[in-house]
N, C-alpha and C. Protein backbone atom coordinates (compact mmCIF):
# COMPACT_ATOMS: atom_id res chain seq x y z
N MET A 1 -25.10 15.35 -3.42
CA MET A 1 -23.75 15.07 -3.83
C MET A 1 -23.40 13.64 -3.45
N TYR A 2 -22.39 13.14 -4.13
CA TYR A 2 -21.93 11.78 -3.88
C TYR A 2 -20.49 11.79 -3.41
N LEU A 3 -20.19 10.90 -2.49
CA LEU A 3 -18.84 10.67 -2.03
C LEU A 3 -18.44 9.29 -2.54
N VAL A 4 -17.34 9.22 -3.28
CA VAL A 4 -16.85 7.95 -3.79
C VAL A 4 -15.69 7.53 -2.90
N LYS A 5 -15.82 6.33 -2.31
CA LYS A 5 -14.81 5.87 -1.36
C LYS A 5 -14.36 4.46 -1.73
N PRO A 6 -13.07 4.28 -2.10
CA PRO A 6 -12.57 2.93 -2.33
C PRO A 6 -12.29 2.25 -0.99
N VAL A 7 -12.71 0.99 -0.86
CA VAL A 7 -12.59 0.25 0.39
C VAL A 7 -12.03 -1.13 0.08
N TYR A 8 -11.02 -1.58 0.86
CA TYR A 8 -10.49 -2.93 0.69
C TYR A 8 -11.60 -3.94 0.97
N SER A 9 -11.74 -4.90 0.09
CA SER A 9 -12.78 -5.92 0.28
C SER A 9 -12.28 -7.13 1.04
N ASN A 10 -10.96 -7.27 1.19
CA ASN A 10 -10.41 -8.38 1.95
C ASN A 10 -9.11 -7.94 2.62
N THR A 11 -8.68 -8.72 3.62
CA THR A 11 -7.43 -8.44 4.31
C THR A 11 -6.30 -9.10 3.55
N LYS A 12 -5.23 -8.33 3.29
CA LYS A 12 -4.05 -8.87 2.61
C LYS A 12 -2.86 -8.04 3.04
N GLY A 13 -1.84 -8.68 3.56
CA GLY A 13 -0.66 -7.95 4.03
C GLY A 13 -1.06 -7.00 5.15
N THR A 14 -0.65 -5.75 5.04
CA THR A 14 -0.97 -4.76 6.08
C THR A 14 -2.30 -4.07 5.81
N SER A 15 -2.96 -4.40 4.71
CA SER A 15 -4.25 -3.79 4.37
C SER A 15 -5.37 -4.61 5.00
N GLN A 16 -6.22 -3.95 5.77
CA GLN A 16 -7.31 -4.62 6.46
C GLN A 16 -8.62 -4.45 5.70
N ALA A 17 -9.44 -5.50 5.69
CA ALA A 17 -10.76 -5.44 5.06
C ALA A 17 -11.54 -4.27 5.65
N ASN A 18 -12.31 -3.60 4.80
CA ASN A 18 -13.13 -2.45 5.15
C ASN A 18 -12.33 -1.20 5.49
N SER A 19 -11.03 -1.22 5.23
CA SER A 19 -10.17 -0.07 5.48
C SER A 19 -10.11 0.80 4.23
N THR A 20 -9.92 2.09 4.45
CA THR A 20 -9.79 3.01 3.31
C THR A 20 -8.45 3.72 3.33
N SER A 21 -7.52 3.26 4.16
CA SER A 21 -6.27 4.00 4.32
C SER A 21 -5.32 3.83 3.14
N PHE A 22 -5.40 2.78 2.41
CA PHE A 22 -4.54 2.50 1.27
C PHE A 22 -3.08 2.70 1.63
N SER A 23 -2.69 2.03 2.71
CA SER A 23 -1.32 2.15 3.19
C SER A 23 -0.39 1.15 2.54
N SER A 24 -0.93 0.23 1.77
CA SER A 24 -0.08 -0.83 1.24
C SER A 24 -0.30 -1.04 -0.24
N ALA A 25 0.78 -0.92 -0.99
CA ALA A 25 0.73 -1.23 -2.42
C ALA A 25 0.68 -2.73 -2.63
N LEU A 26 0.91 -3.50 -1.58
CA LEU A 26 0.92 -4.95 -1.71
C LEU A 26 -0.48 -5.53 -1.91
N GLN A 27 -1.52 -4.75 -1.72
CA GLN A 27 -2.88 -5.24 -1.94
C GLN A 27 -3.03 -5.69 -3.38
N ALA A 28 -2.39 -5.01 -4.31
CA ALA A 28 -2.51 -5.32 -5.73
C ALA A 28 -1.28 -6.07 -6.22
N SER A 29 -0.68 -6.88 -5.38
CA SER A 29 0.54 -7.58 -5.75
C SER A 29 0.48 -9.01 -5.23
N GLU A 30 1.28 -9.87 -5.84
CA GLU A 30 1.44 -11.23 -5.33
C GLU A 30 2.50 -11.27 -4.23
N GLU A 31 3.20 -10.16 -4.02
CA GLU A 31 4.26 -10.14 -3.02
C GLU A 31 3.66 -10.04 -1.63
N VAL A 32 4.17 -10.89 -0.73
CA VAL A 32 3.65 -10.92 0.63
C VAL A 32 4.82 -11.00 1.60
N ILE A 33 4.82 -10.13 2.60
CA ILE A 33 5.70 -10.30 3.75
C ILE A 33 4.79 -10.86 4.82
N ASP A 34 4.98 -12.14 5.12
CA ASP A 34 4.02 -12.82 5.98
C ASP A 34 4.06 -12.30 7.40
N ASN A 35 2.90 -12.29 8.03
CA ASN A 35 2.79 -11.86 9.42
C ASN A 35 3.28 -12.92 10.39
N ALA A 36 3.63 -14.11 9.88
CA ALA A 36 4.09 -15.21 10.75
C ALA A 36 5.55 -14.99 11.11
N VAL A 37 5.82 -13.95 11.88
CA VAL A 37 7.18 -13.62 12.28
C VAL A 37 7.58 -14.50 13.45
N GLN A 38 8.78 -15.03 13.41
CA GLN A 38 9.32 -15.84 14.51
C GLN A 38 10.32 -14.98 15.28
N THR A 39 10.29 -15.05 16.59
CA THR A 39 11.22 -14.28 17.41
C THR A 39 12.18 -15.26 18.10
N PRO A 40 13.45 -15.28 17.66
CA PRO A 40 14.42 -16.20 18.26
C PRO A 40 14.69 -15.86 19.73
N ASN A 41 15.12 -16.90 20.47
CA ASN A 41 15.46 -16.68 21.89
C ASN A 41 16.96 -16.81 22.13
N GLY A 42 17.74 -16.93 21.07
CA GLY A 42 19.19 -17.04 21.20
C GLY A 42 19.69 -18.47 21.19
N THR A 43 18.78 -19.46 21.33
CA THR A 43 19.21 -20.86 21.29
C THR A 43 18.53 -21.65 20.17
N ILE A 44 17.35 -21.22 19.74
CA ILE A 44 16.62 -21.94 18.68
C ILE A 44 17.28 -21.65 17.33
N LYS A 45 17.53 -22.73 16.58
CA LYS A 45 18.15 -22.60 15.26
C LYS A 45 17.18 -22.88 14.13
N SER A 46 16.12 -23.64 14.40
CA SER A 46 15.18 -24.05 13.34
C SER A 46 13.85 -23.33 13.50
N PHE A 47 13.31 -22.92 12.35
CA PHE A 47 12.04 -22.20 12.32
C PHE A 47 11.18 -22.75 11.20
N THR A 48 9.87 -22.83 11.43
CA THR A 48 8.94 -23.28 10.39
C THR A 48 7.89 -22.19 10.17
N PHE A 49 7.46 -22.10 8.93
CA PHE A 49 6.46 -21.10 8.55
C PHE A 49 5.37 -21.78 7.75
N THR A 50 4.14 -21.38 7.98
CA THR A 50 3.01 -21.74 7.13
C THR A 50 2.54 -20.44 6.52
N THR A 51 2.75 -20.28 5.23
CA THR A 51 2.45 -19.01 4.59
C THR A 51 0.95 -18.76 4.54
N SER A 52 0.59 -17.49 4.49
CA SER A 52 -0.82 -17.11 4.43
C SER A 52 -1.43 -17.39 3.06
N TYR A 53 -0.59 -17.39 2.03
CA TYR A 53 -1.07 -17.59 0.66
C TYR A 53 -0.24 -18.68 0.00
N ALA A 54 -0.90 -19.52 -0.78
CA ALA A 54 -0.23 -20.60 -1.51
C ALA A 54 -1.03 -20.83 -2.79
N PRO A 55 -0.48 -21.48 -3.78
CA PRO A 55 0.87 -22.01 -3.87
C PRO A 55 1.89 -20.89 -4.06
N LEU A 56 3.12 -21.20 -3.71
CA LEU A 56 4.20 -20.23 -3.79
C LEU A 56 4.86 -20.28 -5.16
N ARG A 57 5.35 -19.16 -5.62
CA ARG A 57 6.10 -19.11 -6.88
C ARG A 57 7.55 -19.47 -6.59
N SER A 58 8.06 -20.48 -7.28
CA SER A 58 9.44 -20.90 -7.07
C SER A 58 10.40 -19.79 -7.47
N GLY A 59 11.50 -19.70 -6.75
CA GLY A 59 12.50 -18.70 -7.02
C GLY A 59 12.19 -17.33 -6.46
N THR A 60 11.15 -17.21 -5.63
CA THR A 60 10.76 -15.89 -5.09
C THR A 60 10.80 -15.82 -3.57
N ILE A 61 11.14 -16.90 -2.90
CA ILE A 61 11.09 -16.92 -1.44
C ILE A 61 12.39 -16.38 -0.86
N GLN A 62 12.27 -15.48 0.12
CA GLN A 62 13.43 -14.97 0.84
C GLN A 62 13.17 -15.11 2.33
N ILE A 63 14.21 -15.54 3.05
CA ILE A 63 14.16 -15.57 4.51
C ILE A 63 14.81 -14.28 4.97
N LEU A 64 14.12 -13.56 5.84
CA LEU A 64 14.60 -12.25 6.32
C LEU A 64 14.96 -12.33 7.80
N LEU A 65 16.07 -11.73 8.15
CA LEU A 65 16.45 -11.60 9.54
C LEU A 65 16.45 -10.10 9.83
N ASN A 66 15.51 -9.66 10.64
CA ASN A 66 15.30 -8.23 10.91
C ASN A 66 15.11 -7.44 9.62
N GLY A 67 14.38 -8.02 8.67
CA GLY A 67 14.06 -7.33 7.43
C GLY A 67 15.13 -7.41 6.36
N THR A 68 16.27 -8.03 6.66
CA THR A 68 17.37 -8.16 5.69
C THR A 68 17.40 -9.59 5.15
N PRO A 69 17.41 -9.77 3.83
CA PRO A 69 17.47 -11.13 3.27
C PRO A 69 18.75 -11.86 3.68
N VAL A 70 18.60 -13.09 4.18
CA VAL A 70 19.76 -13.91 4.56
C VAL A 70 19.78 -15.23 3.80
N ALA A 71 18.65 -15.60 3.16
CA ALA A 71 18.59 -16.84 2.39
C ALA A 71 17.46 -16.73 1.38
N SER A 72 17.52 -17.59 0.34
CA SER A 72 16.46 -17.61 -0.67
C SER A 72 16.31 -19.02 -1.20
N ASP A 73 15.21 -19.25 -1.92
CA ASP A 73 15.00 -20.58 -2.49
C ASP A 73 15.69 -20.68 -3.84
N ASP A 74 16.03 -21.92 -4.22
CA ASP A 74 16.73 -22.14 -5.48
C ASP A 74 15.80 -22.53 -6.62
N GLY A 75 14.49 -22.51 -6.38
CA GLY A 75 13.53 -22.90 -7.41
C GLY A 75 13.25 -24.39 -7.45
N ASN A 76 14.00 -25.17 -6.64
CA ASN A 76 13.82 -26.62 -6.60
C ASN A 76 13.42 -27.11 -5.22
N GLY A 77 12.95 -26.22 -4.37
CA GLY A 77 12.48 -26.63 -3.04
C GLY A 77 13.51 -26.50 -1.95
N ASN A 78 14.68 -25.94 -2.24
CA ASN A 78 15.74 -25.79 -1.25
C ASN A 78 15.93 -24.32 -0.90
N ILE A 79 16.16 -24.07 0.39
CA ILE A 79 16.49 -22.74 0.88
C ILE A 79 17.99 -22.75 1.17
N THR A 80 18.70 -21.75 0.64
CA THR A 80 20.13 -21.66 0.89
C THR A 80 20.53 -20.23 1.15
N GLY A 81 21.56 -20.09 1.97
CA GLY A 81 22.12 -18.79 2.29
C GLY A 81 23.34 -19.01 3.15
N THR A 82 24.03 -17.96 3.47
CA THR A 82 25.20 -18.08 4.33
C THR A 82 24.76 -18.44 5.74
N GLY A 83 25.07 -19.67 6.14
CA GLY A 83 24.69 -20.13 7.47
C GLY A 83 23.22 -20.49 7.61
N VAL A 84 22.50 -20.65 6.48
CA VAL A 84 21.07 -20.97 6.53
C VAL A 84 20.76 -22.03 5.47
N THR A 85 20.02 -23.08 5.87
CA THR A 85 19.53 -24.09 4.93
C THR A 85 18.07 -24.34 5.24
N GLY A 86 17.36 -24.96 4.28
CA GLY A 86 15.97 -25.27 4.54
C GLY A 86 15.27 -25.81 3.32
N THR A 87 13.96 -25.99 3.45
CA THR A 87 13.14 -26.52 2.37
C THR A 87 11.85 -25.71 2.26
N VAL A 88 11.24 -25.80 1.07
CA VAL A 88 9.97 -25.12 0.84
C VAL A 88 9.07 -26.04 0.03
N ASN A 89 7.79 -26.06 0.38
CA ASN A 89 6.79 -26.84 -0.36
C ASN A 89 5.98 -25.84 -1.18
N TYR A 90 6.31 -25.70 -2.46
CA TYR A 90 5.65 -24.71 -3.32
C TYR A 90 4.18 -25.02 -3.56
N ALA A 91 3.90 -26.28 -3.92
CA ALA A 91 2.56 -26.64 -4.38
C ALA A 91 1.59 -26.95 -3.26
N GLY A 92 2.11 -27.22 -2.08
CA GLY A 92 1.22 -27.59 -0.98
C GLY A 92 0.25 -26.48 -0.65
N GLY A 93 -0.89 -26.84 -0.13
CA GLY A 93 -1.90 -25.86 0.22
C GLY A 93 -1.47 -24.91 1.32
N SER A 94 -0.43 -25.31 2.08
CA SER A 94 -0.02 -24.49 3.21
C SER A 94 1.19 -23.63 2.92
N GLY A 95 1.94 -23.91 1.86
CA GLY A 95 3.16 -23.16 1.60
C GLY A 95 4.15 -23.31 2.73
N ALA A 96 4.37 -24.55 3.17
CA ALA A 96 5.24 -24.82 4.32
C ALA A 96 6.70 -24.53 3.99
N ILE A 97 7.36 -23.80 4.90
CA ILE A 97 8.77 -23.45 4.76
C ILE A 97 9.45 -23.78 6.08
N SER A 98 10.60 -24.45 6.01
CA SER A 98 11.38 -24.68 7.22
C SER A 98 12.82 -24.26 6.95
N VAL A 99 13.42 -23.60 7.92
CA VAL A 99 14.80 -23.14 7.80
C VAL A 99 15.57 -23.45 9.07
N THR A 100 16.86 -23.68 8.90
CA THR A 100 17.75 -23.92 10.03
C THR A 100 18.98 -23.04 9.88
N PHE A 101 19.28 -22.32 10.93
CA PHE A 101 20.47 -21.47 10.97
C PHE A 101 21.62 -22.27 11.58
N THR A 102 22.82 -22.11 11.07
CA THR A 102 24.01 -22.76 11.64
C THR A 102 24.25 -22.23 13.05
N VAL A 103 24.10 -20.93 13.21
CA VAL A 103 24.23 -20.28 14.51
C VAL A 103 22.87 -19.66 14.84
N ALA A 104 22.38 -19.93 16.03
CA ALA A 104 21.07 -19.41 16.43
C ALA A 104 21.05 -17.89 16.38
N PRO A 105 20.02 -17.30 15.76
CA PRO A 105 19.90 -15.84 15.74
C PRO A 105 19.79 -15.29 17.16
N VAL A 106 20.33 -14.13 17.36
CA VAL A 106 20.34 -13.48 18.67
C VAL A 106 18.91 -13.22 19.14
N SER A 107 18.71 -13.35 20.43
CA SER A 107 17.41 -13.11 21.03
C SER A 107 16.92 -11.70 20.70
N GLY A 108 15.63 -11.60 20.36
CA GLY A 108 15.03 -10.31 20.04
C GLY A 108 15.01 -9.99 18.55
N ASN A 109 15.78 -10.73 17.75
CA ASN A 109 15.71 -10.54 16.30
C ASN A 109 14.41 -11.11 15.77
N GLU A 110 14.08 -10.81 14.53
CA GLU A 110 12.87 -11.36 13.90
C GLU A 110 13.24 -12.12 12.65
N VAL A 111 12.69 -13.32 12.51
CA VAL A 111 12.86 -14.12 11.30
C VAL A 111 11.50 -14.13 10.60
N SER A 112 11.48 -13.72 9.33
CA SER A 112 10.22 -13.68 8.58
C SER A 112 10.46 -14.14 7.15
N VAL A 113 9.37 -14.23 6.40
CA VAL A 113 9.42 -14.74 5.02
C VAL A 113 8.81 -13.72 4.08
N LEU A 114 9.49 -13.48 2.95
CA LEU A 114 8.97 -12.66 1.86
C LEU A 114 8.83 -13.58 0.66
N TYR A 115 7.68 -13.55 -0.02
CA TYR A 115 7.46 -14.47 -1.13
C TYR A 115 6.42 -13.92 -2.09
N LEU A 116 6.32 -14.56 -3.24
CA LEU A 116 5.24 -14.31 -4.18
C LEU A 116 4.39 -15.56 -4.23
N PHE A 117 3.07 -15.38 -4.24
CA PHE A 117 2.18 -16.53 -4.41
C PHE A 117 1.64 -16.51 -5.84
N ASN A 118 1.09 -17.63 -6.27
CA ASN A 118 0.59 -17.77 -7.64
C ASN A 118 -0.90 -17.43 -7.65
N SER A 119 -1.22 -16.21 -8.07
CA SER A 119 -2.61 -15.74 -8.06
C SER A 119 -3.46 -16.39 -9.15
N GLU A 120 -2.83 -16.95 -10.19
CA GLU A 120 -3.61 -17.64 -11.23
C GLU A 120 -4.22 -18.93 -10.68
N VAL A 121 -3.48 -19.58 -9.78
CA VAL A 121 -3.96 -20.82 -9.18
C VAL A 121 -4.86 -20.53 -7.97
N ASN A 122 -4.61 -19.42 -7.29
CA ASN A 122 -5.36 -19.05 -6.09
C ASN A 122 -5.96 -17.65 -6.26
N PRO A 123 -6.98 -17.51 -7.12
CA PRO A 123 -7.53 -16.17 -7.36
C PRO A 123 -8.26 -15.58 -6.15
N ASP A 124 -8.65 -16.40 -5.18
CA ASP A 124 -9.32 -15.87 -3.99
C ASP A 124 -8.39 -15.01 -3.14
N ALA A 125 -7.08 -15.18 -3.32
CA ALA A 125 -6.11 -14.43 -2.53
C ALA A 125 -5.76 -13.08 -3.16
N ILE A 126 -6.31 -12.81 -4.32
CA ILE A 126 -6.04 -11.53 -4.98
C ILE A 126 -6.73 -10.43 -4.19
N GLY A 127 -6.01 -9.37 -3.93
CA GLY A 127 -6.57 -8.24 -3.19
C GLY A 127 -7.72 -7.62 -3.96
N GLY A 128 -8.68 -7.11 -3.24
CA GLY A 128 -9.83 -6.50 -3.89
C GLY A 128 -10.18 -5.15 -3.29
N VAL A 129 -10.72 -4.31 -4.13
CA VAL A 129 -11.17 -2.99 -3.69
C VAL A 129 -12.60 -2.79 -4.17
N ASP A 130 -13.48 -2.45 -3.26
CA ASP A 130 -14.86 -2.13 -3.61
C ASP A 130 -14.98 -0.61 -3.70
N ILE A 131 -15.76 -0.14 -4.64
CA ILE A 131 -16.04 1.28 -4.75
C ILE A 131 -17.40 1.53 -4.12
N VAL A 132 -17.41 2.31 -3.05
CA VAL A 132 -18.62 2.58 -2.29
C VAL A 132 -19.07 4.01 -2.58
N PHE A 133 -20.33 4.15 -2.99
CA PHE A 133 -20.91 5.47 -3.23
C PHE A 133 -21.84 5.82 -2.08
N SER A 134 -21.66 6.99 -1.49
CA SER A 134 -22.58 7.46 -0.46
C SER A 134 -23.05 8.86 -0.84
N THR A 135 -24.24 9.15 -0.40
CA THR A 135 -24.77 10.49 -0.67
C THR A 135 -24.68 11.32 0.60
N PHE A 136 -24.54 12.60 0.41
CA PHE A 136 -24.58 13.52 1.54
C PHE A 136 -25.15 14.84 1.06
N GLN A 137 -25.75 15.55 1.99
CA GLN A 137 -26.40 16.81 1.67
C GLN A 137 -25.42 17.95 1.87
N VAL A 138 -25.44 18.88 0.94
CA VAL A 138 -24.60 20.07 1.03
C VAL A 138 -25.50 21.25 1.37
N LYS A 139 -25.15 21.95 2.42
CA LYS A 139 -25.89 23.15 2.80
C LYS A 139 -25.02 24.35 2.49
N ALA A 140 -25.47 25.14 1.54
CA ALA A 140 -24.71 26.31 1.12
C ALA A 140 -24.99 27.50 2.03
N ARG A 141 -23.97 28.33 2.23
CA ARG A 141 -24.12 29.58 2.95
C ARG A 141 -23.87 30.71 1.98
N LYS A 142 -24.57 31.80 2.17
CA LYS A 142 -24.39 32.95 1.29
C LYS A 142 -23.16 33.74 1.71
N HIS A 143 -22.43 34.18 0.72
CA HIS A 143 -21.28 35.05 0.92
C HIS A 143 -21.33 36.13 -0.17
N PRO A 144 -22.16 37.13 0.00
CA PRO A 144 -22.28 38.15 -1.04
C PRO A 144 -20.99 38.96 -1.17
N LEU A 145 -20.64 39.24 -2.41
CA LEU A 145 -19.45 40.03 -2.70
C LEU A 145 -19.69 40.75 -4.02
N ARG A 146 -19.40 42.02 -4.06
CA ARG A 146 -19.59 42.79 -5.27
C ARG A 146 -18.23 43.24 -5.78
N LEU A 147 -18.01 43.08 -7.06
CA LEU A 147 -16.79 43.52 -7.72
C LEU A 147 -17.18 44.55 -8.77
N LYS A 148 -16.45 45.66 -8.82
CA LYS A 148 -16.78 46.71 -9.78
C LYS A 148 -15.52 47.11 -10.55
N TRP A 149 -15.70 47.37 -11.82
CA TRP A 149 -14.66 47.96 -12.65
C TRP A 149 -15.32 48.64 -13.83
N SER A 150 -14.60 49.51 -14.45
CA SER A 150 -15.17 50.25 -15.57
C SER A 150 -14.57 49.75 -16.87
N VAL A 151 -15.26 50.05 -17.94
CA VAL A 151 -14.76 49.70 -19.26
C VAL A 151 -13.44 50.43 -19.52
N ASP A 152 -13.35 51.67 -19.06
CA ASP A 152 -12.10 52.43 -19.23
C ASP A 152 -10.94 51.73 -18.53
N ALA A 153 -11.17 51.29 -17.29
CA ALA A 153 -10.12 50.59 -16.55
C ALA A 153 -9.71 49.31 -17.27
N ALA A 154 -10.67 48.62 -17.81
CA ALA A 154 -10.38 47.38 -18.55
C ALA A 154 -9.54 47.67 -19.78
N LEU A 155 -9.88 48.73 -20.52
CA LEU A 155 -9.13 49.07 -21.73
C LEU A 155 -7.71 49.54 -21.41
N VAL A 156 -7.56 50.34 -20.37
CA VAL A 156 -6.23 50.85 -19.99
C VAL A 156 -5.33 49.71 -19.55
N THR A 157 -5.83 48.84 -18.67
CA THR A 157 -4.98 47.73 -18.19
C THR A 157 -4.65 46.76 -19.30
N GLN A 158 -5.58 46.54 -20.20
CA GLN A 158 -5.31 45.66 -21.32
C GLN A 158 -4.24 46.27 -22.24
N GLY A 159 -4.38 47.56 -22.51
CA GLY A 159 -3.45 48.22 -23.42
C GLY A 159 -2.07 48.46 -22.83
N SER A 160 -2.00 48.90 -21.58
CA SER A 160 -0.70 49.28 -21.02
C SER A 160 -0.04 48.17 -20.18
N LEU A 161 -0.82 47.38 -19.49
CA LEU A 161 -0.26 46.34 -18.62
C LEU A 161 -0.42 44.92 -19.18
N ASN A 162 -1.18 44.82 -20.25
CA ASN A 162 -1.39 43.55 -20.95
C ASN A 162 -2.01 42.47 -20.05
N PHE A 163 -3.00 42.84 -19.25
CA PHE A 163 -3.79 41.83 -18.54
C PHE A 163 -5.25 42.23 -18.55
N ASP A 164 -6.09 41.23 -18.38
CA ASP A 164 -7.54 41.42 -18.43
C ASP A 164 -8.03 41.71 -17.01
N VAL A 165 -8.49 42.92 -16.76
CA VAL A 165 -8.92 43.32 -15.43
C VAL A 165 -10.09 42.45 -14.95
N GLU A 166 -10.94 42.01 -15.83
CA GLU A 166 -12.06 41.14 -15.43
C GLU A 166 -11.55 39.82 -14.86
N ASP A 167 -10.56 39.22 -15.52
CA ASP A 167 -9.98 37.97 -15.02
C ASP A 167 -9.31 38.17 -13.66
N VAL A 168 -8.54 39.26 -13.54
CA VAL A 168 -7.83 39.53 -12.29
C VAL A 168 -8.81 39.75 -11.15
N LEU A 169 -9.85 40.54 -11.37
CA LEU A 169 -10.83 40.78 -10.31
C LEU A 169 -11.64 39.52 -9.97
N SER A 170 -11.92 38.72 -10.96
CA SER A 170 -12.63 37.46 -10.69
C SER A 170 -11.79 36.55 -9.80
N LEU A 171 -10.49 36.46 -10.09
CA LEU A 171 -9.60 35.66 -9.24
C LEU A 171 -9.49 36.25 -7.84
N ALA A 172 -9.38 37.56 -7.76
CA ALA A 172 -9.31 38.22 -6.46
C ALA A 172 -10.58 37.97 -5.66
N GLY A 173 -11.74 38.04 -6.32
CA GLY A 173 -13.01 37.77 -5.64
C GLY A 173 -13.09 36.33 -5.16
N ALA A 174 -12.61 35.40 -5.98
CA ALA A 174 -12.61 33.99 -5.57
C ALA A 174 -11.71 33.78 -4.35
N GLN A 175 -10.56 34.45 -4.33
CA GLN A 175 -9.66 34.35 -3.18
C GLN A 175 -10.32 34.93 -1.93
N GLU A 176 -11.01 36.02 -2.09
CA GLU A 176 -11.70 36.64 -0.94
C GLU A 176 -12.75 35.69 -0.38
N LEU A 177 -13.48 35.02 -1.28
CA LEU A 177 -14.49 34.05 -0.82
C LEU A 177 -13.83 32.87 -0.08
N LEU A 178 -12.70 32.44 -0.56
CA LEU A 178 -12.00 31.34 0.11
C LEU A 178 -11.59 31.74 1.52
N LEU A 179 -11.21 32.98 1.70
CA LEU A 179 -10.79 33.45 3.02
C LEU A 179 -11.96 33.50 4.00
N THR A 180 -13.19 33.61 3.51
CA THR A 180 -14.34 33.68 4.41
C THR A 180 -14.86 32.30 4.78
N LEU A 181 -14.40 31.27 4.11
CA LEU A 181 -14.88 29.92 4.42
C LEU A 181 -14.24 29.38 5.61
């Protein structure tokens, strides 16, 4: 017998290379929540990010504070939001993003970036899945079971109850075998 196992061929987002958990739909997407999370200390107002994937798609960058969007890019390299300004380098190899908050985020919060990268320009960043085939041996165990019915019983149940006794007993036998496994 063969076991077919899909395996991530590269690490992307929360999906790890050689993993089979398929915990992230982002493997097959240009959308990335970057792991470069910044943790404010209550006094720092400016944060810089180097994205894991570049070039970035303009108009898709969001700055998140504890997972909630607080600012976004305008498609022209500027980050704007209520109390947040910044810049983004779309075409650069690093996808550099810098943001400044008017009021420093409270200590313990997380500042992160959500964005789309351009997979046509950077095809190496496209998530991949390898299909791995492995063989394994199956050892069968015997489970003898005998089912009996008569032609008369089959005719009576078919005529009066409108069901096929052979089908019903076959299903019952299959259920009995399942219980012994």
